[in-house]
PDB file of all heavy atoms in Angstrom:
ATOM      1  N   LEU A   1     -66.132 -25.154  38.903  1.00  0.00           N
ATOM      2  CA  LEU A   1     -66.811 -25.031  37.616  1.00  0.00           C
ATOM      3  C   LEU A   1     -66.166 -23.952  36.747  1.00  0.00           C
ATOM      4  O   LEU A   1     -65.980 -24.128  35.538  1.00  0.00           O
ATOM      5  CB  LEU A   1     -68.292 -24.730  37.836  1.00  0.00           C
ATOM      6  CG  LEU A   1     -69.131 -25.878  38.395  1.00  0.00           C
ATOM      7  CD1 LEU A   1     -70.541 -25.410  38.720  1.00  0.00           C
ATOM      8  CD2 LEU A   1     -69.171 -27.053  37.424  1.00  0.00           C
ATOM      9  N   VAL A   2     -65.813 -22.830  37.367  1.00  0.00           N
ATOM     10  CA  VAL A   2     -65.171 -21.750  36.607  1.00  0.00           C
ATOM     11  C   VAL A   2     -63.764 -22.164  36.179  1.00  0.00           C
ATOM     12  O   VAL A   2     -63.326 -21.871  35.059  1.00  0.00           O
ATOM     13  CB  VAL A   2     -65.133 -20.452  37.442  1.00  0.00           C
ATOM     14  CG1 VAL A   2     -64.454 -19.329  36.655  1.00  0.00           C
ATOM     15  CG2 VAL A   2     -66.546 -20.023  37.827  1.00  0.00           C
ATOM     16  N   MET A   3     -63.042 -22.870  37.048  1.00  0.00           N
ATOM     17  CA  MET A   3     -61.702 -23.335  36.686  1.00  0.00           C
ATOM     18  C   MET A   3     -61.747 -24.344  35.538  1.00  0.00           C
ATOM     19  O   MET A   3     -60.847 -24.365  34.692  1.00  0.00           O
ATOM     20  CB  MET A   3     -61.011 -23.938  37.911  1.00  0.00           C
ATOM     21  CG  MET A   3     -60.541 -22.906  38.918  1.00  0.00           C
ATOM     22  SD  MET A   3     -59.702 -23.650  40.338  1.00  0.00           S
ATOM     23  CE  MET A   3     -58.304 -24.455  39.542  1.00  0.00           C
ATOM     24  N   VAL A   4     -62.770 -25.169  35.506  1.00  0.00           N
ATOM     25  CA  VAL A   4     -62.934 -26.108  34.394  1.00  0.00           C
ATOM     26  C   VAL A   4     -63.074 -25.338  33.083  1.00  0.00           C
ATOM     27  O   VAL A   4     -62.423 -25.651  32.075  1.00  0.00           O
ATOM     28  CB  VAL A   4     -64.153 -27.017  34.623  1.00  0.00           C
ATOM     29  CG1 VAL A   4     -64.537 -27.738  33.337  1.00  0.00           C
ATOM     30  CG2 VAL A   4     -63.862 -28.031  35.718  1.00  0.00           C
ATOM     31  N   GLU A   5     -63.900 -24.301  33.089  1.00  0.00           N
ATOM     32  CA  GLU A   5     -64.102 -23.498  31.882  1.00  0.00           C
ATOM     33  C   GLU A   5     -62.819 -22.791  31.458  1.00  0.00           C
ATOM     34  O   GLU A   5     -62.452 -22.772  30.274  1.00  0.00           O
ATOM     35  CB  GLU A   5     -65.225 -22.483  32.117  1.00  0.00           C
ATOM     36  CG  GLU A   5     -65.473 -21.517  30.962  1.00  0.00           C
ATOM     37  CD  GLU A   5     -65.953 -22.202  29.684  1.00  0.00           C
ATOM     38  OE1 GLU A   5     -66.352 -23.388  29.749  1.00  0.00           O
ATOM     39  OE2 GLU A   5     -65.905 -21.558  28.627  1.00  0.00           O
ATOM     40  N   LEU A   6     -62.108 -22.220  32.422  1.00  0.00           N
ATOM     41  CA  LEU A   6     -60.869 -21.520  32.098  1.00  0.00           C
ATOM     42  C   LEU A   6     -59.786 -22.495  31.643  1.00  0.00           C
ATOM     43  O   LEU A   6     -59.010 -22.201  30.723  1.00  0.00           O
ATOM     44  CB  LEU A   6     -60.387 -20.719  33.310  1.00  0.00           C
ATOM     45  CG  LEU A   6     -59.155 -19.840  33.107  1.00  0.00           C
ATOM     46  CD1 LEU A   6     -59.358 -18.869  31.942  1.00  0.00           C
ATOM     47  CD2 LEU A   6     -58.828 -19.072  34.385  1.00  0.00           C
ATOM     48  N   GLY A   7     -59.725 -23.654  32.272  1.00  0.00           N
ATOM     49  CA  GLY A   7     -58.742 -24.650  31.867  1.00  0.00           C
ATOM     50  C   GLY A   7     -58.975 -25.151  30.452  1.00  0.00           C
ATOM     51  O   GLY A   7     -58.016 -25.435  29.723  1.00  0.00           O
ATOM     52  N   ALA A   8     -60.234 -25.261  30.051  1.00  0.00           N
ATOM     53  CA  ALA A   8     -60.546 -25.677  28.690  1.00  0.00           C
ATOM     54  C   ALA A   8     -60.236 -24.569  27.687  1.00  0.00           C
ATOM     55  O   ALA A   8     -59.825 -24.826  26.561  1.00  0.00           O
ATOM     56  CB  ALA A   8     -62.012 -26.075  28.590  1.00  0.00           C
ATOM     57  N   THR A   9     -60.429 -23.320  28.122  1.00  0.00           N
ATOM     58  CA  THR A   9     -60.191 -22.176  27.237  1.00  0.00           C
ATOM     59  C   THR A   9     -58.706 -21.883  27.057  1.00  0.00           C
ATOM     60  O   THR A   9     -58.242 -21.570  25.969  1.00  0.00           O
ATOM     61  CB  THR A   9     -60.894 -20.927  27.804  1.00  0.00           C
ATOM     62  OG1 THR A   9     -62.302 -21.187  27.903  1.00  0.00           O
ATOM     63  CG2 THR A   9     -60.671 -19.718  26.908  1.00  0.00           C
ATOM     64  N   MET A  10     -57.938 -21.981  28.159  1.00  0.00           N
ATOM     65  CA  MET A  10     -56.491 -21.735  28.118  1.00  0.00           C
ATOM     66  C   MET A  10     -55.767 -22.930  28.735  1.00  0.00           C
ATOM     67  O   MET A  10     -55.357 -22.881  29.900  1.00  0.00           O
ATOM     68  CB  MET A  10     -56.145 -20.446  28.865  1.00  0.00           C
ATOM     69  CG  MET A  10     -56.748 -19.193  28.260  1.00  0.00           C
ATOM     70  SD  MET A  10     -56.286 -17.693  29.186  1.00  0.00           S
ATOM     71  CE  MET A  10     -54.526 -17.631  28.874  1.00  0.00           C
ATOM     72  N   PRO A  11     -55.647 -24.033  28.002  1.00  0.00           N
ATOM     73  CA  PRO A  11     -55.041 -25.250  28.567  1.00  0.00           C
ATOM     74  C   PRO A  11     -53.519 -25.138  28.631  1.00  0.00           C
ATOM     75  O   PRO A  11     -52.804 -25.554  27.714  1.00  0.00           O
ATOM     76  CB  PRO A  11     -55.491 -26.339  27.586  1.00  0.00           C
ATOM     77  CG  PRO A  11     -55.655 -25.625  26.283  1.00  0.00           C
ATOM     78  CD  PRO A  11     -56.092 -24.236  26.609  1.00  0.00           C
ATOM     79  N   VAL A  12     -53.007 -24.553  29.706  1.00  0.00           N
ATOM     80  CA  VAL A  12     -51.568 -24.373  29.869  1.00  0.00           C
ATOM     81  C   VAL A  12     -51.123 -25.056  31.151  1.00  0.00           C
ATOM     82  O   VAL A  12     -51.869 -25.133  32.136  1.00  0.00           O
ATOM     83  CB  VAL A  12     -51.180 -22.875  29.922  1.00  0.00           C
ATOM     84  CG1 VAL A  12     -51.487 -22.208  28.602  1.00  0.00           C
ATOM     85  CG2 VAL A  12     -51.895 -22.153  31.058  1.00  0.00           C
ATOM     86  N   ALA A  13     -49.884 -25.554  31.165  1.00  0.00           N
ATOM     87  CA  ALA A  13     -49.321 -26.148  32.370  1.00  0.00           C
ATOM     88  C   ALA A  13     -49.101 -25.061  33.416  1.00  0.00           C
ATOM     89  O   ALA A  13     -48.692 -23.950  33.099  1.00  0.00           O
ATOM     90  CB  ALA A  13     -47.995 -26.835  32.048  1.00  0.00           C
ATOM     91  N   GLY A  14     -49.387 -25.376  34.681  1.00  0.00           N
ATOM     92  CA  GLY A  14     -49.221 -24.390  35.739  1.00  0.00           C
ATOM     93  C   GLY A  14     -50.216 -23.250  35.604  1.00  0.00           C
ATOM     94  O   GLY A  14     -49.882 -22.092  35.869  1.00  0.00           O
ATOM     95  N   GLY A  15     -51.442 -23.564  35.200  1.00  0.00           N
ATOM     96  CA  GLY A  15     -52.431 -22.539  34.901  1.00  0.00           C
ATOM     97  C   GLY A  15     -52.735 -21.603  36.049  1.00  0.00           C
ATOM     98  O   GLY A  15     -53.038 -20.423  35.823  1.00  0.00           O
ATOM     99  N   LEU A  16     -52.689 -22.081  37.289  1.00  0.00           N
ATOM    100  CA  LEU A  16     -53.030 -21.226  38.421  1.00  0.00           C
ATOM    101  C   LEU A  16     -52.159 -19.973  38.475  1.00  0.00           C
ATOM    102  O   LEU A  16     -52.609 -18.917  38.928  1.00  0.00           O
ATOM    103  CB  LEU A  16     -52.899 -22.007  39.737  1.00  0.00           C
ATOM    104  CG  LEU A  16     -54.029 -22.971  40.057  1.00  0.00           C
ATOM    105  CD1 LEU A  16     -53.687 -23.799  41.284  1.00  0.00           C
ATOM    106  CD2 LEU A  16     -55.336 -22.226  40.270  1.00  0.00           C
ATOM    107  N   VAL A  17     -50.902 -20.078  38.033  1.00  0.00           N
ATOM    108  CA  VAL A  17     -50.015 -18.917  37.988  1.00  0.00           C
ATOM    109  C   VAL A  17     -50.059 -18.237  36.624  1.00  0.00           C
ATOM    110  O   VAL A  17     -50.083 -17.016  36.527  1.00  0.00           O
ATOM    111  CB  VAL A  17     -48.568 -19.331  38.327  1.00  0.00           C
ATOM    112  CG1 VAL A  17     -47.618 -18.148  38.176  1.00  0.00           C
ATOM    113  CG2 VAL A  17     -48.488 -19.865  39.749  1.00  0.00           C
ATOM    114  N   ARG A  18     -50.099 -19.010  35.571  1.00  0.00           N
ATOM    115  CA  ARG A  18     -49.992 -18.429  34.234  1.00  0.00           C
ATOM    116  C   ARG A  18     -51.276 -17.755  33.769  1.00  0.00           C
ATOM    117  O   ARG A  18     -51.227 -16.804  32.976  1.00  0.00           O
ATOM    118  CB  ARG A  18     -49.547 -19.507  33.246  1.00  0.00           C
ATOM    119  CG  ARG A  18     -48.116 -19.971  33.536  1.00  0.00           C
ATOM    120  CD  ARG A  18     -47.687 -21.111  32.645  1.00  0.00           C
ATOM    121  NE  ARG A  18     -47.579 -20.707  31.252  1.00  0.00           N
ATOM    122  CZ  ARG A  18     -47.340 -21.563  30.268  1.00  0.00           C
ATOM    123  NH1 ARG A  18     -47.211 -22.857  30.538  1.00  0.00           N
ATOM    124  NH2 ARG A  18     -47.253 -21.141  29.026  1.00  0.00           N
ATOM    125  N   TRP A  19     -52.443 -18.217  34.230  1.00  0.00           N
ATOM    126  CA  TRP A  19     -53.678 -17.510  33.876  1.00  0.00           C
ATOM    127  C   TRP A  19     -53.657 -16.058  34.348  1.00  0.00           C
ATOM    128  O   TRP A  19     -53.885 -15.152  33.547  1.00  0.00           O
ATOM    129  CB  TRP A  19     -54.894 -18.246  34.448  1.00  0.00           C
ATOM    130  CG  TRP A  19     -55.158 -19.591  33.842  1.00  0.00           C
ATOM    131  CD1 TRP A  19     -54.885 -19.995  32.567  1.00  0.00           C
ATOM    132  CD2 TRP A  19     -55.761 -20.710  34.492  1.00  0.00           C
ATOM    133  NE1 TRP A  19     -55.266 -21.300  32.381  1.00  0.00           N
ATOM    134  CE2 TRP A  19     -55.818 -21.771  33.552  1.00  0.00           C
ATOM    135  CE3 TRP A  19     -56.259 -20.936  35.762  1.00  0.00           C
ATOM    136  CZ2 TRP A  19     -56.353 -23.014  33.856  1.00  0.00           C
ATOM    137  CZ3 TRP A  19     -56.794 -22.179  36.075  1.00  0.00           C
ATOM    138  CH2 TRP A  19     -56.840 -23.205  35.126  1.00  0.00           C
ATOM    139  N   PRO A  20     -53.412 -15.778  35.636  1.00  0.00           N
ATOM    140  CA  PRO A  20     -53.371 -14.370  36.041  1.00  0.00           C
ATOM    141  C   PRO A  20     -52.203 -13.604  35.431  1.00  0.00           C
ATOM    142  O   PRO A  20     -52.303 -12.390  35.230  1.00  0.00           O
ATOM    143  CB  PRO A  20     -53.251 -14.430  37.572  1.00  0.00           C
ATOM    144  CG  PRO A  20     -52.772 -15.797  37.883  1.00  0.00           C
ATOM    145  CD  PRO A  20     -53.315 -16.678  36.803  1.00  0.00           C
ATOM    146  N   LEU A  21     -51.097 -14.284  35.101  1.00  0.00           N
ATOM    147  CA  LEU A  21     -49.987 -13.599  34.441  1.00  0.00           C
ATOM    148  C   LEU A  21     -50.433 -13.084  33.081  1.00  0.00           C
ATOM    149  O   LEU A  21     -50.131 -11.944  32.698  1.00  0.00           O
ATOM    150  CB  LEU A  21     -48.803 -14.553  34.288  1.00  0.00           C
ATOM    151  CG  LEU A  21     -47.558 -13.971  33.613  1.00  0.00           C
ATOM    152  CD1 LEU A  21     -46.944 -12.876  34.464  1.00  0.00           C
ATOM    153  CD2 LEU A  21     -46.535 -15.068  33.323  1.00  0.00           C
ATOM    154  N   HIS A  22     -51.181 -13.894  32.336  1.00  0.00           N
ATOM    155  CA  HIS A  22     -51.650 -13.492  31.016  1.00  0.00           C
ATOM    156  C   HIS A  22     -52.766 -12.444  31.092  1.00  0.00           C
ATOM    157  O   HIS A  22     -52.840 -11.566  30.228  1.00  0.00           O
ATOM    158  CB  HIS A  22     -52.166 -14.713  30.240  1.00  0.00           C
ATOM    159  CG  HIS A  22     -51.085 -15.658  29.812  1.00  0.00           C
ATOM    160  ND1 HIS A  22     -49.888 -15.244  29.284  1.00  0.00           N
ATOM    161  CD2 HIS A  22     -51.030 -17.024  29.840  1.00  0.00           C
ATOM    162  CE1 HIS A  22     -49.133 -16.292  28.997  1.00  0.00           C
ATOM    163  NE2 HIS A  22     -49.800 -17.388  29.327  1.00  0.00           N
ATOM    164  N   THR A  23     -53.637 -12.538  32.088  1.00  0.00           N
ATOM    165  CA  THR A  23     -54.816 -11.665  32.109  1.00  0.00           C
ATOM    166  C   THR A  23     -54.644 -10.410  32.951  1.00  0.00           C
ATOM    167  O   THR A  23     -55.295  -9.395  32.667  1.00  0.00           O
ATOM    168  CB  THR A  23     -56.043 -12.432  32.637  1.00  0.00           C
ATOM    169  OG1 THR A  23     -55.774 -12.894  33.978  1.00  0.00           O
ATOM    170  CG2 THR A  23     -56.378 -13.623  31.746  1.00  0.00           C
ATOM    171  N   SER A  24     -53.781 -10.460  33.975  1.00  0.00           N
ATOM    172  CA  SER A  24     -53.703  -9.328  34.903  1.00  0.00           C
ATOM    173  C   SER A  24     -52.298  -8.776  35.094  1.00  0.00           C
ATOM    174  O   SER A  24     -52.142  -7.730  35.718  1.00  0.00           O
ATOM    175  CB  SER A  24     -54.269  -9.736  36.276  1.00  0.00           C
ATOM    176  OG  SER A  24     -55.632 -10.087  36.172  1.00  0.00           O
ATOM    177  N   GLY A  25     -51.285  -9.480  34.639  1.00  0.00           N
ATOM    178  CA  GLY A  25     -49.942  -8.939  34.736  1.00  0.00           C
ATOM    179  C   GLY A  25     -49.106  -9.560  35.834  1.00  0.00           C
ATOM    180  O   GLY A  25     -49.542 -10.441  36.581  1.00  0.00           O
ATOM    181  N   ARG A  26     -47.880  -9.045  35.954  1.00  0.00           N
ATOM    182  CA  ARG A  26     -46.869  -9.663  36.805  1.00  0.00           C
ATOM    183  C   ARG A  26     -47.138  -9.481  38.290  1.00  0.00           C
ATOM    184  O   ARG A  26     -46.841 -10.361  39.094  1.00  0.00           O
ATOM    185  CB  ARG A  26     -45.499  -9.101  36.434  1.00  0.00           C
ATOM    186  CG  ARG A  26     -44.351  -9.913  36.974  1.00  0.00           C
ATOM    187  CD  ARG A  26     -43.065  -9.532  36.284  1.00  0.00           C
ATOM    188  NE  ARG A  26     -43.119  -9.818  34.859  1.00  0.00           N
ATOM    189  CZ  ARG A  26     -42.918 -11.023  34.343  1.00  0.00           C
ATOM    190  NH1 ARG A  26     -42.647 -12.044  35.134  1.00  0.00           N
ATOM    191  NH2 ARG A  26     -42.964 -11.221  33.046  1.00  0.00           N
ATOM    192  N   LEU A  27     -47.677  -8.326  38.713  1.00  0.00           N
ATOM    193  CA  LEU A  27     -47.935  -8.116  40.143  1.00  0.00           C
ATOM    194  C   LEU A  27     -48.958  -9.107  40.663  1.00  0.00           C
ATOM    195  O   LEU A  27     -48.760  -9.750  41.701  1.00  0.00           O
ATOM    196  CB  LEU A  27     -48.395  -6.676  40.395  1.00  0.00           C
ATOM    197  CG  LEU A  27     -48.814  -6.340  41.834  1.00  0.00           C
ATOM    198  CD1 LEU A  27     -47.705  -6.677  42.822  1.00  0.00           C
ATOM    199  CD2 LEU A  27     -49.212  -4.869  41.945  1.00  0.00           C
ATOM    200  N   VAL A  28     -50.067  -9.244  39.957  1.00  0.00           N
ATOM    201  CA  VAL A  28     -51.101 -10.201  40.373  1.00  0.00           C
ATOM    202  C   VAL A  28     -50.544 -11.618  40.350  1.00  0.00           C
ATOM    203  O   VAL A  28     -50.762 -12.407  41.279  1.00  0.00           O
ATOM    204  CB  VAL A  28     -52.341 -10.081  39.464  1.00  0.00           C
ATOM    205  CG1 VAL A  28     -53.348 -11.185  39.769  1.00  0.00           C
ATOM    206  CG2 VAL A  28     -52.996  -8.720  39.636  1.00  0.00           C
ATOM    207  N   ALA A  29     -49.784 -11.966  39.301  1.00  0.00           N
ATOM    208  CA  ALA A  29     -49.225 -13.315  39.199  1.00  0.00           C
ATOM    209  C   ALA A  29     -48.214 -13.584  40.307  1.00  0.00           C
ATOM    210  O   ALA A  29     -48.101 -14.719  40.785  1.00  0.00           O
ATOM    211  CB  ALA A  29     -48.569 -13.504  37.835  1.00  0.00           C
ATOM    212  N   THR A  30     -47.480 -12.546  40.732  1.00  0.00           N
ATOM    213  CA  THR A  30     -46.531 -12.722  41.824  1.00  0.00           C
ATOM    214  C   THR A  30     -47.252 -13.074  43.115  1.00  0.00           C
ATOM    215  O   THR A  30     -46.843 -13.983  43.853  1.00  0.00           O
ATOM    216  CB  THR A  30     -45.697 -11.446  42.030  1.00  0.00           C
ATOM    217  OG1 THR A  30     -44.950 -11.176  40.841  1.00  0.00           O
ATOM    218  CG2 THR A  30     -44.731 -11.597  43.195  1.00  0.00           C
ATOM    219  N   LEU A  31     -48.338 -12.374  43.412  1.00  0.00           N
ATOM    220  CA  LEU A  31     -49.110 -12.650  44.620  1.00  0.00           C
ATOM    221  C   LEU A  31     -49.745 -14.034  44.559  1.00  0.00           C
ATOM    222  O   LEU A  31     -49.713 -14.802  45.532  1.00  0.00           O
ATOM    223  CB  LEU A  31     -50.175 -11.576  44.819  1.00  0.00           C
ATOM    224  CG  LEU A  31     -49.656 -10.203  45.262  1.00  0.00           C
ATOM    225  CD1 LEU A  31     -50.694  -9.122  45.012  1.00  0.00           C
ATOM    226  CD2 LEU A  31     -49.286 -10.237  46.737  1.00  0.00           C
ATOM    227  N   VAL A  32     -50.327 -14.374  43.414  1.00  0.00           N
ATOM    228  CA  VAL A  32     -50.956 -15.691  43.260  1.00  0.00           C
ATOM    229  C   VAL A  32     -49.902 -16.795  43.321  1.00  0.00           C
ATOM    230  O   VAL A  32     -50.093 -17.814  43.991  1.00  0.00           O
ATOM    231  CB  VAL A  32     -51.736 -15.764  41.937  1.00  0.00           C
ATOM    232  CG1 VAL A  32     -52.230 -17.190  41.681  1.00  0.00           C
ATOM    233  CG2 VAL A  32     -52.914 -14.799  41.962  1.00  0.00           C
ATOM    234  N   GLY A  33     -48.774 -16.587  42.633  1.00  0.00           N
ATOM    235  CA  GLY A  33     -47.718 -17.586  42.648  1.00  0.00           C
ATOM    236  C   GLY A  33     -47.175 -17.832  44.044  1.00  0.00           C
ATOM    237  O   GLY A  33     -46.913 -18.975  44.437  1.00  0.00           O
ATOM    238  N   THR A  34     -47.035 -16.745  44.819  1.00  0.00           N
ATOM    239  CA  THR A  34     -46.579 -16.897  46.200  1.00  0.00           C
ATOM    240  C   THR A  34     -47.585 -17.693  47.017  1.00  0.00           C
ATOM    241  O   THR A  34     -47.217 -18.576  47.805  1.00  0.00           O
ATOM    242  CB  THR A  34     -46.356 -15.521  46.837  1.00  0.00           C
ATOM    243  OG1 THR A  34     -45.387 -14.793  46.075  1.00  0.00           O
ATOM    244  CG2 THR A  34     -45.875 -15.651  48.273  1.00  0.00           C
ATOM    245  N   GLY A  35     -48.872 -17.391  46.826  1.00  0.00           N
ATOM    246  CA  GLY A  35     -49.908 -18.093  47.577  1.00  0.00           C
ATOM    247  C   GLY A  35     -49.932 -19.576  47.292  1.00  0.00           C
ATOM    248  O   GLY A  35     -49.944 -20.408  48.214  1.00  0.00           O
ATOM    249  N   ILE A  36     -49.914 -19.947  46.012  1.00  0.00           N
ATOM    250  CA  ILE A  36     -49.996 -21.367  45.679  1.00  0.00           C
ATOM    251  C   ILE A  36     -48.698 -22.074  46.038  1.00  0.00           C
ATOM    252  O   ILE A  36     -48.693 -23.241  46.439  1.00  0.00           O
ATOM    253  CB  ILE A  36     -50.349 -21.554  44.182  1.00  0.00           C
ATOM    254  CG1 ILE A  36     -50.880 -22.968  43.932  1.00  0.00           C
ATOM    255  CG2 ILE A  36     -49.179 -21.252  43.279  1.00  0.00           C
ATOM    256  CD1 ILE A  36     -52.181 -23.281  44.619  1.00  0.00           C
ATOM    257  N   TRP A  37     -47.578 -21.369  45.927  1.00  0.00           N
ATOM    258  CA  TRP A  37     -46.291 -21.962  46.294  1.00  0.00           C
ATOM    259  C   TRP A  37     -46.249 -22.309  47.778  1.00  0.00           C
ATOM    260  O   TRP A  37     -45.903 -23.422  48.163  1.00  0.00           O
ATOM    261  CB  TRP A  37     -45.170 -20.997  45.924  1.00  0.00           C
ATOM    262  CG  TRP A  37     -43.805 -21.406  46.382  1.00  0.00           C
ATOM    263  CD1 TRP A  37     -43.315 -22.684  46.502  1.00  0.00           C
ATOM    264  CD2 TRP A  37     -42.751 -20.543  46.797  1.00  0.00           C
ATOM    265  NE1 TRP A  37     -42.015 -22.657  46.951  1.00  0.00           N
ATOM    266  CE2 TRP A  37     -41.646 -21.360  47.143  1.00  0.00           C
ATOM    267  CE3 TRP A  37     -42.618 -19.163  46.894  1.00  0.00           C
ATOM    268  CZ2 TRP A  37     -40.442 -20.819  47.587  1.00  0.00           C
ATOM    269  CZ3 TRP A  37     -41.417 -18.631  47.332  1.00  0.00           C
ATOM    270  CH2 TRP A  37     -40.356 -19.455  47.680  1.00  0.00           C
ATOM    271  N   ILE A  38     -46.640 -21.358  48.635  1.00  0.00           N
ATOM    272  CA  ILE A  38     -46.620 -21.625  50.073  1.00  0.00           C
ATOM    273  C   ILE A  38     -47.623 -22.718  50.426  1.00  0.00           C
ATOM    274  O   ILE A  38     -47.342 -23.619  51.221  1.00  0.00           O
ATOM    275  CB  ILE A  38     -46.910 -20.341  50.871  1.00  0.00           C
ATOM    276  CG1 ILE A  38     -45.779 -19.329  50.666  1.00  0.00           C
ATOM    277  CG2 ILE A  38     -47.078 -20.645  52.356  1.00  0.00           C
ATOM    278  CD1 ILE A  38     -46.041 -17.981  51.299  1.00  0.00           C
ATOM    279  N   ALA A  39     -48.811 -22.662  49.815  1.00  0.00           N
ATOM    280  CA  ALA A  39     -49.826 -23.681  50.106  1.00  0.00           C
ATOM    281  C   ALA A  39     -49.329 -25.073  49.739  1.00  0.00           C
ATOM    282  O   ALA A  39     -49.555 -26.036  50.475  1.00  0.00           O
ATOM    283  CB  ALA A  39     -51.121 -23.352  49.353  1.00  0.00           C
ATOM    284  N   TYR A  40     -48.641 -25.200  48.596  1.00  0.00           N
ATOM    285  CA  TYR A  40     -48.133 -26.502  48.173  1.00  0.00           C
ATOM    286  C   TYR A  40     -46.887 -26.905  48.954  1.00  0.00           C
ATOM    287  O   TYR A  40     -46.702 -28.071  49.304  1.00  0.00           O
ATOM    288  CB  TYR A  40     -47.801 -26.482  46.675  1.00  0.00           C
ATOM    289  CG  TYR A  40     -49.007 -26.562  45.764  1.00  0.00           C
ATOM    290  CD1 TYR A  40     -50.302 -26.507  46.270  1.00  0.00           C
ATOM    291  CD2 TYR A  40     -48.855 -26.675  44.387  1.00  0.00           C
ATOM    292  CE1 TYR A  40     -51.395 -26.573  45.433  1.00  0.00           C
ATOM    293  CE2 TYR A  40     -49.949 -26.742  43.539  1.00  0.00           C
ATOM    294  CZ  TYR A  40     -51.217 -26.689  44.063  1.00  0.00           C
ATOM    295  OH  TYR A  40     -52.305 -26.762  43.238  1.00  0.00           O
ATOM    296  N   ALA A  41     -45.976 -25.928  49.196  1.00  0.00           N
ATOM    297  CA  ALA A  41     -44.722 -26.252  49.885  1.00  0.00           C
ATOM    298  C   ALA A  41     -44.949 -26.677  51.329  1.00  0.00           C
ATOM    299  O   ALA A  41     -44.110 -27.376  51.910  1.00  0.00           O
ATOM    300  CB  ALA A  41     -43.774 -25.051  49.841  1.00  0.00           C
ATOM    301  N   THR A  42     -46.077 -26.262  51.918  1.00  0.00           N
ATOM    302  CA  THR A  42     -46.365 -26.648  53.299  1.00  0.00           C
ATOM    303  C   THR A  42     -47.130 -27.965  53.382  1.00  0.00           C
ATOM    304  O   THR A  42     -47.463 -28.410  54.479  1.00  0.00           O
ATOM    305  CB  THR A  42     -47.167 -25.551  54.020  1.00  0.00           C
ATOM    306  OG1 THR A  42     -48.328 -25.213  53.249  1.00  0.00           O
ATOM    307  CG2 THR A  42     -46.320 -24.305  54.211  1.00  0.00           C
ATOM    308  N   ASN A  43     -47.390 -28.604  52.220  1.00  0.00           N
ATOM    309  CA  ASN A  43     -48.020 -29.922  52.274  1.00  0.00           C
ATOM    310  C   ASN A  43     -47.108 -30.969  52.898  1.00  0.00           C
ATOM    311  O   ASN A  43     -47.546 -31.704  53.797  1.00  0.00           O
ATOM    312  CB  ASN A  43     -48.463 -30.360  50.880  1.00  0.00           C
ATOM    313  CG  ASN A  43     -49.041 -31.756  50.858  1.00  0.00           C
ATOM    314  OD1 ASN A  43     -48.320 -32.738  50.751  1.00  0.00           O
ATOM    315  ND2 ASN A  43     -50.351 -31.864  50.961  1.00  0.00           N
ATOM    316  N   PRO A  44     -45.823 -31.091  52.480  1.00  0.00           N
ATOM    317  CA  PRO A  44     -44.969 -32.098  53.126  1.00  0.00           C
ATOM    318  C   PRO A  44     -44.841 -31.944  54.636  1.00  0.00           C
ATOM    319  O   PRO A  44     -44.950 -32.943  55.357  1.00  0.00           O
ATOM    320  CB  PRO A  44     -43.626 -31.925  52.398  1.00  0.00           C
ATOM    321  CG  PRO A  44     -44.003 -31.419  51.046  1.00  0.00           C
ATOM    322  CD  PRO A  44     -45.155 -30.493  51.299  1.00  0.00           C
TER     323      PRO A  44
END
């Protein structure tokens, strides 16, 4: 529900990484980007 609201407010591609980059900076975005990258890369 919160992601729906944020996605409507800041509709950007790759929002899971770019939202924290815009709101919290590069360190937070680096940690989040690493997390989602590993989670997705381990799907195959």
